[in-house]
Amino acid sequence: MSTHHASESSAFAEIERCYNIQFDRRSSFSSDRVWQAITNPLDLSVWMAYPAEVDLRVGGKYFVDFGADSGENLDGVIVALEPGKLLRYVWGLSTLEWRIESESTATNGRGSGCRYTFLHHGMPVRGIADEEGVAAGWHSWLDALEAHLSGMTRNKETDAAFCREISPHYRMAIEAEIGPLNR
């Protein structure tokens, strides 16, 4: 009978907590228009308020340059694509996904609207004071997307203030799902 002892060469894996963020939204704009706004680099750069690059193919780049504002960029690789319906890309350890469905009901004279779902799978707990910032940030950016589609412009300062306002809600929601954040 032999025994096996953990050693440096067979060290145990580190286990980390992750969570998912999901937004379900309805837009009065067509699925084609929403698709264009999330895949066309010019549109994306406007509503996210940062330079963007998109190489719309599996294996292509999905990049948003947050630059000096955060020191981190959205540097993704597209892993699934169904034009007009599904866009999935990986970013670090997370997977981000857009699902868009047409709606036949005409709204505000703009024609058919759509429903879309945005998912951020596998968001790692980062152990920082502003843990909820990613969820609050996506909330703000999705609002900015709809504003962009409506022809309105938003500014980073107003969006940052909005994020600070809604952050406590997201902190409570995250902690309700996975427990206290800053251990």
N, C-alpha and C. Protein backbone atom coordinates (compact mmCIF):
# COMPACT_ATOMS: atom_id res chain seq x y z
N MET A 1 0.85 -1.17 0.00
CA MET A 1 0.00 0.00 0.00
C MET A 1 0.89 1.23 0.00
N SER A 2 0.64 2.12 -0.93
CA SER A 2 1.44 3.34 -0.97
C SER A 2 0.55 4.53 -0.60
N THR A 3 1.17 5.52 -0.09
CA THR A 3 0.45 6.76 0.23
C THR A 3 0.99 7.87 -0.64
N HIS A 4 0.13 8.78 -0.95
CA HIS A 4 0.52 9.92 -1.79
C HIS A 4 0.43 11.19 -0.95
N HIS A 5 1.45 11.95 -0.90
CA HIS A 5 1.47 13.20 -0.14
C HIS A 5 1.53 14.38 -1.10
N ALA A 6 0.74 15.41 -0.79
CA ALA A 6 0.80 16.63 -1.60
C ALA A 6 2.18 17.24 -1.46
N SER A 7 2.75 17.63 -2.56
CA SER A 7 4.06 18.28 -2.54
C SER A 7 4.00 19.49 -3.45
N GLU A 8 5.08 20.17 -3.55
CA GLU A 8 5.14 21.35 -4.42
C GLU A 8 4.77 20.97 -5.85
N SER A 9 5.19 19.81 -6.31
CA SER A 9 4.92 19.42 -7.69
C SER A 9 3.46 19.00 -7.91
N SER A 10 2.76 18.67 -6.85
CA SER A 10 1.36 18.29 -7.00
C SER A 10 0.49 19.15 -6.09
N ALA A 11 0.77 20.46 -6.09
CA ALA A 11 0.04 21.39 -5.24
C ALA A 11 -1.44 21.41 -5.64
N PHE A 12 -2.26 21.64 -4.66
CA PHE A 12 -3.70 21.69 -4.90
C PHE A 12 -4.06 22.94 -5.70
N ALA A 13 -5.13 22.84 -6.45
CA ALA A 13 -5.61 23.96 -7.24
C ALA A 13 -6.19 25.02 -6.33
N GLU A 14 -6.16 26.25 -6.79
CA GLU A 14 -6.79 27.35 -6.08
C GLU A 14 -8.22 27.47 -6.60
N ILE A 15 -9.17 27.58 -5.70
CA ILE A 15 -10.58 27.68 -6.06
C ILE A 15 -11.03 29.11 -5.80
N GLU A 16 -11.65 29.72 -6.80
CA GLU A 16 -12.13 31.09 -6.66
C GLU A 16 -13.62 31.16 -6.95
N ARG A 17 -14.27 32.14 -6.33
CA ARG A 17 -15.69 32.37 -6.56
C ARG A 17 -15.88 33.22 -7.82
N CYS A 18 -16.88 32.88 -8.60
CA CYS A 18 -17.27 33.66 -9.77
C CYS A 18 -18.79 33.82 -9.75
N TYR A 19 -19.27 34.78 -10.51
CA TYR A 19 -20.71 34.98 -10.62
C TYR A 19 -21.03 35.42 -12.03
N ASN A 20 -22.32 35.43 -12.34
CA ASN A 20 -22.79 35.84 -13.66
C ASN A 20 -23.63 37.10 -13.52
N ILE A 21 -23.57 37.93 -14.54
CA ILE A 21 -24.37 39.15 -14.62
C ILE A 21 -25.26 39.00 -15.84
N GLN A 22 -26.57 39.21 -15.68
CA GLN A 22 -27.48 39.09 -16.83
C GLN A 22 -28.44 40.27 -16.85
N PHE A 23 -28.55 40.88 -18.02
CA PHE A 23 -29.52 41.95 -18.26
C PHE A 23 -30.45 41.50 -19.37
N ASP A 24 -31.74 41.63 -19.16
CA ASP A 24 -32.74 41.38 -20.19
C ASP A 24 -33.38 42.72 -20.48
N ARG A 25 -33.29 43.16 -21.72
CA ARG A 25 -33.79 44.48 -22.08
C ARG A 25 -34.68 44.39 -23.32
N ARG A 26 -35.53 45.38 -23.44
CA ARG A 26 -36.35 45.56 -24.63
C ARG A 26 -35.96 46.89 -25.25
N SER A 27 -35.81 46.90 -26.56
CA SER A 27 -35.50 48.13 -27.27
C SER A 27 -36.61 48.40 -28.28
N SER A 28 -36.92 49.66 -28.46
CA SER A 28 -37.90 50.02 -29.49
C SER A 28 -37.25 50.00 -30.88
N PHE A 29 -35.96 49.75 -30.93
CA PHE A 29 -35.23 49.70 -32.20
C PHE A 29 -35.13 48.27 -32.69
N SER A 30 -34.96 48.14 -34.00
CA SER A 30 -34.93 46.81 -34.62
C SER A 30 -33.72 46.01 -34.14
N SER A 31 -33.84 44.71 -34.28
CA SER A 31 -32.72 43.83 -33.94
C SER A 31 -31.51 44.15 -34.82
N ASP A 32 -31.75 44.52 -36.09
CA ASP A 32 -30.65 44.89 -36.98
C ASP A 32 -29.91 46.12 -36.47
N ARG A 33 -30.66 47.09 -35.96
CA ARG A 33 -30.02 48.32 -35.47
C ARG A 33 -29.23 48.05 -34.19
N VAL A 34 -29.78 47.25 -33.29
CA VAL A 34 -29.05 46.89 -32.06
C VAL A 34 -27.80 46.09 -32.43
N TRP A 35 -27.94 45.15 -33.36
CA TRP A 35 -26.79 44.36 -33.81
C TRP A 35 -25.68 45.28 -34.34
N GLN A 36 -26.06 46.23 -35.17
CA GLN A 36 -25.08 47.17 -35.71
C GLN A 36 -24.38 47.93 -34.58
N ALA A 37 -25.14 48.35 -33.58
CA ALA A 37 -24.56 49.14 -32.49
C ALA A 37 -23.57 48.36 -31.64
N ILE A 38 -23.72 47.04 -31.57
CA ILE A 38 -22.78 46.25 -30.76
C ILE A 38 -21.65 45.64 -31.57
N THR A 39 -21.76 45.70 -32.92
CA THR A 39 -20.72 45.08 -33.75
C THR A 39 -19.98 46.06 -34.64
N ASN A 40 -20.52 47.22 -34.89
CA ASN A 40 -19.85 48.22 -35.72
C ASN A 40 -18.94 49.05 -34.81
N PRO A 41 -17.64 49.06 -35.07
CA PRO A 41 -16.71 49.77 -34.18
C PRO A 41 -17.03 51.25 -33.99
N LEU A 42 -17.55 51.90 -35.03
CA LEU A 42 -17.89 53.33 -34.90
C LEU A 42 -19.05 53.52 -33.92
N ASP A 43 -20.10 52.73 -34.06
CA ASP A 43 -21.23 52.79 -33.12
C ASP A 43 -20.76 52.45 -31.70
N LEU A 44 -20.05 51.35 -31.59
CA LEU A 44 -19.57 50.88 -30.29
C LEU A 44 -18.73 51.95 -29.59
N SER A 45 -17.86 52.62 -30.34
CA SER A 45 -17.02 53.68 -29.78
C SER A 45 -17.84 54.84 -29.24
N VAL A 46 -18.97 55.11 -29.88
CA VAL A 46 -19.81 56.24 -29.44
C VAL A 46 -20.52 55.90 -28.14
N TRP A 47 -21.27 54.78 -28.08
CA TRP A 47 -22.06 54.55 -26.88
C TRP A 47 -21.23 54.07 -25.69
N MET A 48 -20.08 53.44 -25.93
CA MET A 48 -19.22 53.08 -24.82
C MET A 48 -18.26 54.21 -24.45
N ALA A 49 -18.14 55.20 -25.33
CA ALA A 49 -17.30 56.38 -25.10
C ALA A 49 -15.82 56.06 -25.02
N TYR A 50 -15.41 55.00 -25.71
CA TYR A 50 -14.00 54.61 -25.80
C TYR A 50 -13.74 54.06 -27.20
N PRO A 51 -12.52 54.21 -27.71
CA PRO A 51 -12.20 53.64 -29.02
C PRO A 51 -12.41 52.12 -29.03
N ALA A 52 -12.94 51.60 -30.15
CA ALA A 52 -13.22 50.17 -30.25
C ALA A 52 -12.77 49.61 -31.59
N GLU A 53 -12.47 48.32 -31.59
CA GLU A 53 -12.16 47.57 -32.81
C GLU A 53 -12.96 46.28 -32.78
N VAL A 54 -13.56 45.92 -33.91
CA VAL A 54 -14.28 44.66 -34.00
C VAL A 54 -13.92 43.99 -35.32
N ASP A 55 -13.44 42.76 -35.23
CA ASP A 55 -13.20 41.92 -36.40
C ASP A 55 -14.27 40.84 -36.34
N LEU A 56 -15.39 41.07 -36.99
CA LEU A 56 -16.60 40.29 -36.83
C LEU A 56 -16.52 38.92 -37.52
N ARG A 57 -15.81 38.02 -36.84
CA ARG A 57 -15.70 36.63 -37.29
C ARG A 57 -15.25 35.81 -36.08
N VAL A 58 -15.55 34.52 -36.08
CA VAL A 58 -15.06 33.66 -35.00
C VAL A 58 -13.54 33.71 -35.04
N GLY A 59 -12.94 33.99 -33.90
CA GLY A 59 -11.50 34.18 -33.80
C GLY A 59 -11.09 35.63 -33.93
N GLY A 60 -12.03 36.49 -34.30
CA GLY A 60 -11.75 37.92 -34.47
C GLY A 60 -11.69 38.66 -33.14
N LYS A 61 -11.17 39.86 -33.21
CA LYS A 61 -10.97 40.70 -32.05
C LYS A 61 -12.24 41.49 -31.72
N TYR A 62 -12.52 41.62 -30.40
CA TYR A 62 -13.56 42.53 -29.90
C TYR A 62 -12.86 43.34 -28.82
N PHE A 63 -12.50 44.57 -29.15
CA PHE A 63 -11.60 45.35 -28.30
C PHE A 63 -12.18 46.73 -28.01
N VAL A 64 -12.17 47.11 -26.74
CA VAL A 64 -12.53 48.47 -26.34
C VAL A 64 -11.38 48.98 -25.48
N ASP A 65 -10.83 50.12 -25.88
CA ASP A 65 -9.65 50.70 -25.24
C ASP A 65 -10.05 51.64 -24.10
N PHE A 66 -10.15 51.09 -22.87
CA PHE A 66 -10.48 51.92 -21.71
C PHE A 66 -9.29 52.80 -21.32
N GLY A 67 -8.12 52.44 -21.82
CA GLY A 67 -6.92 53.25 -21.69
C GLY A 67 -6.65 53.81 -20.32
N ALA A 68 -6.42 55.09 -20.29
CA ALA A 68 -5.99 55.78 -19.07
C ALA A 68 -7.05 55.76 -17.97
N ASP A 69 -8.33 55.57 -18.32
CA ASP A 69 -9.38 55.60 -17.30
C ASP A 69 -9.31 54.44 -16.33
N SER A 70 -8.84 53.26 -16.78
CA SER A 70 -8.84 52.11 -15.88
C SER A 70 -7.56 51.29 -15.91
N GLY A 71 -6.77 51.46 -16.93
CA GLY A 71 -5.57 50.64 -17.05
C GLY A 71 -5.87 49.23 -17.55
N GLU A 72 -7.14 48.93 -17.79
CA GLU A 72 -7.54 47.62 -18.30
C GLU A 72 -8.42 47.84 -19.52
N ASN A 73 -8.26 47.00 -20.51
CA ASN A 73 -9.07 47.10 -21.72
C ASN A 73 -9.98 45.90 -21.84
N LEU A 74 -11.04 46.04 -22.62
CA LEU A 74 -11.85 44.89 -22.98
C LEU A 74 -11.17 44.31 -24.21
N ASP A 75 -10.35 43.32 -24.00
CA ASP A 75 -9.54 42.72 -25.05
C ASP A 75 -10.06 41.31 -25.29
N GLY A 76 -11.12 41.20 -26.11
CA GLY A 76 -11.80 39.93 -26.28
C GLY A 76 -11.54 39.26 -27.61
N VAL A 77 -11.90 37.98 -27.66
CA VAL A 77 -11.82 37.18 -28.88
C VAL A 77 -13.21 36.58 -29.11
N ILE A 78 -13.75 36.77 -30.30
CA ILE A 78 -15.08 36.26 -30.64
C ILE A 78 -15.01 34.74 -30.76
N VAL A 79 -15.90 34.05 -30.02
CA VAL A 79 -15.91 32.59 -30.03
C VAL A 79 -17.19 32.01 -30.62
N ALA A 80 -18.25 32.81 -30.76
CA ALA A 80 -19.49 32.33 -31.40
C ALA A 80 -20.17 33.52 -32.06
N LEU A 81 -20.77 33.27 -33.21
CA LEU A 81 -21.36 34.35 -33.98
C LEU A 81 -22.50 33.80 -34.84
N GLU A 82 -23.67 34.37 -34.66
CA GLU A 82 -24.81 34.14 -35.54
C GLU A 82 -25.29 35.53 -35.92
N PRO A 83 -24.90 36.03 -37.09
CA PRO A 83 -25.20 37.42 -37.45
C PRO A 83 -26.66 37.82 -37.15
N GLY A 84 -26.77 38.93 -36.46
CA GLY A 84 -28.08 39.47 -36.10
C GLY A 84 -28.72 38.85 -34.89
N LYS A 85 -28.14 37.76 -34.36
CA LYS A 85 -28.77 37.03 -33.26
C LYS A 85 -27.88 36.79 -32.06
N LEU A 86 -26.62 36.42 -32.28
CA LEU A 86 -25.75 36.00 -31.18
C LEU A 86 -24.33 36.48 -31.41
N LEU A 87 -23.77 37.08 -30.39
CA LEU A 87 -22.36 37.45 -30.37
C LEU A 87 -21.81 37.02 -29.02
N ARG A 88 -20.78 36.18 -29.03
CA ARG A 88 -20.16 35.73 -27.78
C ARG A 88 -18.65 35.91 -27.92
N TYR A 89 -18.05 36.51 -26.90
CA TYR A 89 -16.61 36.69 -26.91
C TYR A 89 -16.06 36.46 -25.51
N VAL A 90 -14.81 36.02 -25.46
CA VAL A 90 -14.15 35.83 -24.17
C VAL A 90 -13.34 37.07 -23.87
N TRP A 91 -13.28 37.38 -22.58
CA TRP A 91 -12.50 38.50 -22.08
C TRP A 91 -11.86 38.03 -20.79
N GLY A 92 -10.57 37.79 -20.83
CA GLY A 92 -9.90 37.24 -19.66
C GLY A 92 -10.50 35.88 -19.34
N LEU A 93 -10.97 35.72 -18.11
CA LEU A 93 -11.57 34.47 -17.67
C LEU A 93 -13.09 34.45 -17.87
N SER A 94 -13.65 35.53 -18.38
CA SER A 94 -15.09 35.65 -18.53
C SER A 94 -15.51 35.45 -19.98
N THR A 95 -16.79 35.12 -20.15
CA THR A 95 -17.41 35.06 -21.46
C THR A 95 -18.55 36.06 -21.47
N LEU A 96 -18.60 36.89 -22.50
CA LEU A 96 -19.67 37.88 -22.65
C LEU A 96 -20.52 37.49 -23.84
N GLU A 97 -21.83 37.66 -23.70
CA GLU A 97 -22.72 37.17 -24.74
C GLU A 97 -23.88 38.14 -24.93
N TRP A 98 -24.19 38.39 -26.19
CA TRP A 98 -25.36 39.17 -26.59
C TRP A 98 -26.29 38.24 -27.35
N ARG A 99 -27.56 38.17 -26.95
CA ARG A 99 -28.58 37.44 -27.69
C ARG A 99 -29.67 38.43 -28.06
N ILE A 100 -30.04 38.48 -29.32
CA ILE A 100 -31.02 39.46 -29.80
C ILE A 100 -32.15 38.73 -30.50
N GLU A 101 -33.38 39.12 -30.18
CA GLU A 101 -34.57 38.54 -30.82
C GLU A 101 -35.45 39.67 -31.34
N SER A 102 -35.92 39.54 -32.57
CA SER A 102 -36.84 40.53 -33.14
C SER A 102 -38.18 40.45 -32.45
N GLU A 103 -38.86 41.58 -32.46
CA GLU A 103 -40.21 41.66 -31.92
C GLU A 103 -41.09 42.24 -33.01
N SER A 104 -42.29 41.74 -33.18
CA SER A 104 -43.12 42.19 -34.29
C SER A 104 -43.97 43.41 -33.97
N THR A 105 -44.04 43.81 -32.71
CA THR A 105 -44.87 44.93 -32.32
C THR A 105 -44.20 46.26 -32.68
N ALA A 106 -44.90 47.09 -33.44
CA ALA A 106 -44.36 48.41 -33.78
C ALA A 106 -44.48 49.32 -32.56
N THR A 107 -43.42 50.09 -32.33
CA THR A 107 -43.40 50.98 -31.17
C THR A 107 -42.94 52.36 -31.60
N ASN A 108 -43.66 53.37 -31.19
CA ASN A 108 -43.27 54.76 -31.45
C ASN A 108 -43.03 55.05 -32.93
N GLY A 109 -43.68 54.33 -33.82
CA GLY A 109 -43.52 54.58 -35.25
C GLY A 109 -42.16 54.21 -35.80
N ARG A 110 -41.32 53.54 -35.00
CA ARG A 110 -39.98 53.19 -35.46
C ARG A 110 -39.93 51.79 -36.07
N GLY A 111 -41.05 51.14 -36.18
CA GLY A 111 -41.04 49.78 -36.70
C GLY A 111 -40.90 48.78 -35.58
N SER A 112 -40.49 47.60 -35.93
CA SER A 112 -40.38 46.52 -34.95
C SER A 112 -39.23 46.75 -34.00
N GLY A 113 -39.48 46.45 -32.75
CA GLY A 113 -38.43 46.53 -31.75
C GLY A 113 -37.78 45.17 -31.58
N CYS A 114 -37.05 45.03 -30.50
CA CYS A 114 -36.41 43.75 -30.21
C CYS A 114 -36.21 43.58 -28.72
N ARG A 115 -35.89 42.38 -28.36
CA ARG A 115 -35.47 42.07 -27.00
C ARG A 115 -34.04 41.58 -27.11
N TYR A 116 -33.24 41.96 -26.11
CA TYR A 116 -31.89 41.42 -26.10
C TYR A 116 -31.48 41.08 -24.67
N THR A 117 -30.60 40.11 -24.59
CA THR A 117 -30.04 39.69 -23.32
C THR A 117 -28.54 39.87 -23.42
N PHE A 118 -27.98 40.48 -22.39
CA PHE A 118 -26.52 40.60 -22.29
C PHE A 118 -26.11 39.81 -21.05
N LEU A 119 -25.17 38.88 -21.23
CA LEU A 119 -24.68 38.05 -20.12
C LEU A 119 -23.18 38.20 -19.99
N HIS A 120 -22.73 38.30 -18.77
CA HIS A 120 -21.30 38.30 -18.45
C HIS A 120 -21.10 37.08 -17.55
N HIS A 121 -20.66 35.98 -18.14
CA HIS A 121 -20.48 34.71 -17.44
C HIS A 121 -19.10 34.65 -16.78
N GLY A 122 -19.05 34.10 -15.58
CA GLY A 122 -17.77 33.83 -14.94
C GLY A 122 -17.02 35.05 -14.49
N MET A 123 -17.74 36.05 -13.97
CA MET A 123 -17.07 37.25 -13.45
C MET A 123 -16.36 36.86 -12.15
N PRO A 124 -15.03 36.94 -12.13
CA PRO A 124 -14.32 36.56 -10.91
C PRO A 124 -14.48 37.62 -9.82
N VAL A 125 -14.54 37.17 -8.59
CA VAL A 125 -14.53 38.10 -7.47
C VAL A 125 -13.10 38.63 -7.38
N ARG A 126 -12.97 39.94 -7.51
CA ARG A 126 -11.64 40.54 -7.62
C ARG A 126 -11.04 40.96 -6.28
N GLY A 127 -11.86 40.96 -5.23
CA GLY A 127 -11.35 41.32 -3.90
C GLY A 127 -10.99 42.79 -3.78
N ILE A 128 -11.73 43.65 -4.47
CA ILE A 128 -11.47 45.08 -4.39
C ILE A 128 -12.68 45.78 -3.78
N ALA A 129 -12.49 47.00 -3.33
CA ALA A 129 -13.57 47.74 -2.66
C ALA A 129 -14.76 47.98 -3.59
N ASP A 130 -14.52 48.18 -4.86
CA ASP A 130 -15.57 48.49 -5.84
C ASP A 130 -15.94 47.24 -6.64
N GLU A 131 -16.12 46.13 -5.95
CA GLU A 131 -16.40 44.85 -6.61
C GLU A 131 -17.61 44.91 -7.54
N GLU A 132 -18.62 45.67 -7.15
CA GLU A 132 -19.85 45.75 -7.92
C GLU A 132 -19.75 46.67 -9.13
N GLY A 133 -18.60 47.27 -9.34
CA GLY A 133 -18.43 48.24 -10.41
C GLY A 133 -18.66 47.69 -11.81
N VAL A 134 -18.36 46.42 -12.05
CA VAL A 134 -18.57 45.86 -13.38
C VAL A 134 -20.06 45.78 -13.69
N ALA A 135 -20.86 45.28 -12.73
CA ALA A 135 -22.31 45.17 -12.95
C ALA A 135 -22.92 46.56 -13.13
N ALA A 136 -22.54 47.51 -12.29
CA ALA A 136 -23.06 48.87 -12.40
C ALA A 136 -22.60 49.50 -13.72
N GLY A 137 -21.38 49.22 -14.13
CA GLY A 137 -20.87 49.74 -15.39
C GLY A 137 -21.64 49.22 -16.59
N TRP A 138 -21.90 47.90 -16.61
CA TRP A 138 -22.69 47.35 -17.72
C TRP A 138 -24.09 47.95 -17.74
N HIS A 139 -24.69 48.13 -16.57
CA HIS A 139 -26.02 48.75 -16.50
C HIS A 139 -25.98 50.13 -17.17
N SER A 140 -25.00 50.92 -16.80
CA SER A 140 -24.86 52.26 -17.36
C SER A 140 -24.61 52.22 -18.86
N TRP A 141 -23.74 51.30 -19.31
CA TRP A 141 -23.45 51.21 -20.74
C TRP A 141 -24.67 50.75 -21.54
N LEU A 142 -25.48 49.86 -20.99
CA LEU A 142 -26.69 49.45 -21.72
C LEU A 142 -27.67 50.61 -21.82
N ASP A 143 -27.74 51.45 -20.78
CA ASP A 143 -28.54 52.67 -20.87
C ASP A 143 -27.96 53.60 -21.94
N ALA A 144 -26.63 53.68 -22.00
CA ALA A 144 -25.97 54.51 -23.01
C ALA A 144 -26.23 53.97 -24.42
N LEU A 145 -26.30 52.65 -24.55
CA LEU A 145 -26.62 52.04 -25.85
C LEU A 145 -27.99 52.52 -26.32
N GLU A 146 -28.98 52.45 -25.45
CA GLU A 146 -30.33 52.88 -25.84
C GLU A 146 -30.36 54.38 -26.15
N ALA A 147 -29.64 55.17 -25.36
CA ALA A 147 -29.57 56.61 -25.63
C ALA A 147 -28.95 56.85 -27.00
N HIS A 148 -27.87 56.13 -27.30
CA HIS A 148 -27.21 56.25 -28.60
C HIS A 148 -28.17 55.92 -29.74
N LEU A 149 -28.91 54.84 -29.58
CA LEU A 149 -29.88 54.45 -30.61
C LEU A 149 -30.95 55.52 -30.81
N SER A 150 -31.25 56.24 -29.74
CA SER A 150 -32.26 57.32 -29.80
C SER A 150 -31.69 58.64 -30.28
N GLY A 151 -30.38 58.67 -30.55
CA GLY A 151 -29.75 59.89 -31.05
C GLY A 151 -29.29 60.84 -29.96
N MET A 152 -29.31 60.39 -28.72
CA MET A 152 -28.86 61.24 -27.61
C MET A 152 -27.41 60.92 -27.28
N THR A 153 -26.73 61.88 -26.71
CA THR A 153 -25.36 61.66 -26.25
C THR A 153 -25.34 61.71 -24.73
N ARG A 154 -24.38 61.01 -24.17
CA ARG A 154 -24.21 60.99 -22.71
C ARG A 154 -22.75 61.32 -22.43
N ASN A 155 -22.47 61.70 -21.20
CA ASN A 155 -21.07 61.98 -20.89
C ASN A 155 -20.58 61.08 -19.76
N LYS A 156 -19.28 60.89 -19.71
CA LYS A 156 -18.67 59.96 -18.76
C LYS A 156 -18.94 60.38 -17.32
N GLU A 157 -18.95 61.68 -17.04
CA GLU A 157 -19.16 62.14 -15.66
C GLU A 157 -20.56 61.79 -15.17
N THR A 158 -21.56 62.01 -16.00
CA THR A 158 -22.93 61.66 -15.63
C THR A 158 -23.06 60.16 -15.46
N ASP A 159 -22.47 59.39 -16.36
CA ASP A 159 -22.53 57.93 -16.25
C ASP A 159 -21.81 57.44 -15.00
N ALA A 160 -20.68 58.05 -14.66
CA ALA A 160 -19.94 57.66 -13.46
C ALA A 160 -20.77 57.95 -12.20
N ALA A 161 -21.46 59.08 -12.18
CA ALA A 161 -22.31 59.41 -11.04
C ALA A 161 -23.46 58.40 -10.93
N PHE A 162 -24.03 58.02 -12.06
CA PHE A 162 -25.10 57.03 -12.07
C PHE A 162 -24.59 55.69 -11.53
N CYS A 163 -23.40 55.29 -11.94
CA CYS A 163 -22.81 54.04 -11.45
C CYS A 163 -22.65 54.07 -9.93
N ARG A 164 -22.18 55.18 -9.41
CA ARG A 164 -22.04 55.29 -7.95
C ARG A 164 -23.39 55.18 -7.26
N GLU A 165 -24.42 55.73 -7.88
CA GLU A 165 -25.77 55.70 -7.31
C GLU A 165 -26.35 54.29 -7.28
N ILE A 166 -26.12 53.51 -8.33
CA ILE A 166 -26.71 52.16 -8.38
C ILE A 166 -25.80 51.07 -7.81
N SER A 167 -24.55 51.39 -7.52
CA SER A 167 -23.60 50.39 -7.02
C SER A 167 -24.08 49.66 -5.77
N PRO A 168 -24.67 50.35 -4.77
CA PRO A 168 -25.12 49.60 -3.58
C PRO A 168 -26.12 48.50 -3.91
N HIS A 169 -27.00 48.73 -4.89
CA HIS A 169 -27.94 47.69 -5.31
C HIS A 169 -27.19 46.46 -5.82
N TYR A 170 -26.19 46.67 -6.68
CA TYR A 170 -25.45 45.55 -7.24
C TYR A 170 -24.59 44.86 -6.18
N ARG A 171 -24.05 45.59 -5.25
CA ARG A 171 -23.28 44.97 -4.17
C ARG A 171 -24.18 44.01 -3.38
N MET A 172 -25.38 44.49 -3.02
CA MET A 172 -26.31 43.64 -2.27
C MET A 172 -26.72 42.42 -3.09
N ALA A 173 -26.97 42.60 -4.39
CA ALA A 173 -27.38 41.48 -5.24
C ALA A 173 -26.27 40.44 -5.35
N ILE A 174 -25.03 40.89 -5.53
CA ILE A 174 -23.90 39.95 -5.63
C ILE A 174 -23.72 39.21 -4.32
N GLU A 175 -23.73 39.94 -3.21
CA GLU A 175 -23.54 39.30 -1.91
C GLU A 175 -24.68 38.34 -1.58
N ALA A 176 -25.89 38.63 -2.03
CA ALA A 176 -27.02 37.72 -1.81
C ALA A 176 -26.79 36.39 -2.52
N GLU A 177 -26.09 36.43 -3.66
CA GLU A 177 -25.84 35.21 -4.43
C GLU A 177 -24.61 34.45 -3.96
N ILE A 178 -23.53 35.15 -3.62
CA ILE A 178 -22.26 34.45 -3.35
C ILE A 178 -21.70 34.70 -1.97
N GLY A 179 -22.35 35.52 -1.16
CA GLY A 179 -21.85 35.80 0.18
C GLY A 179 -21.01 37.06 0.21
N PRO A 180 -20.47 37.38 1.40
CA PRO A 180 -19.69 38.62 1.56
C PRO A 180 -18.52 38.68 0.57
N LEU A 181 -18.31 39.87 0.00
CA LEU A 181 -17.32 40.02 -1.05
C LEU A 181 -15.90 40.19 -0.54
N ASN A 182 -15.70 41.05 0.39
CA ASN A 182 -14.32 41.36 0.82
C ASN A 182 -13.98 40.56 2.06
N ARG A 183 -13.47 39.38 1.82
CA ARG A 183 -13.08 38.50 2.94
C ARG A 183 -11.63 38.67 3.24
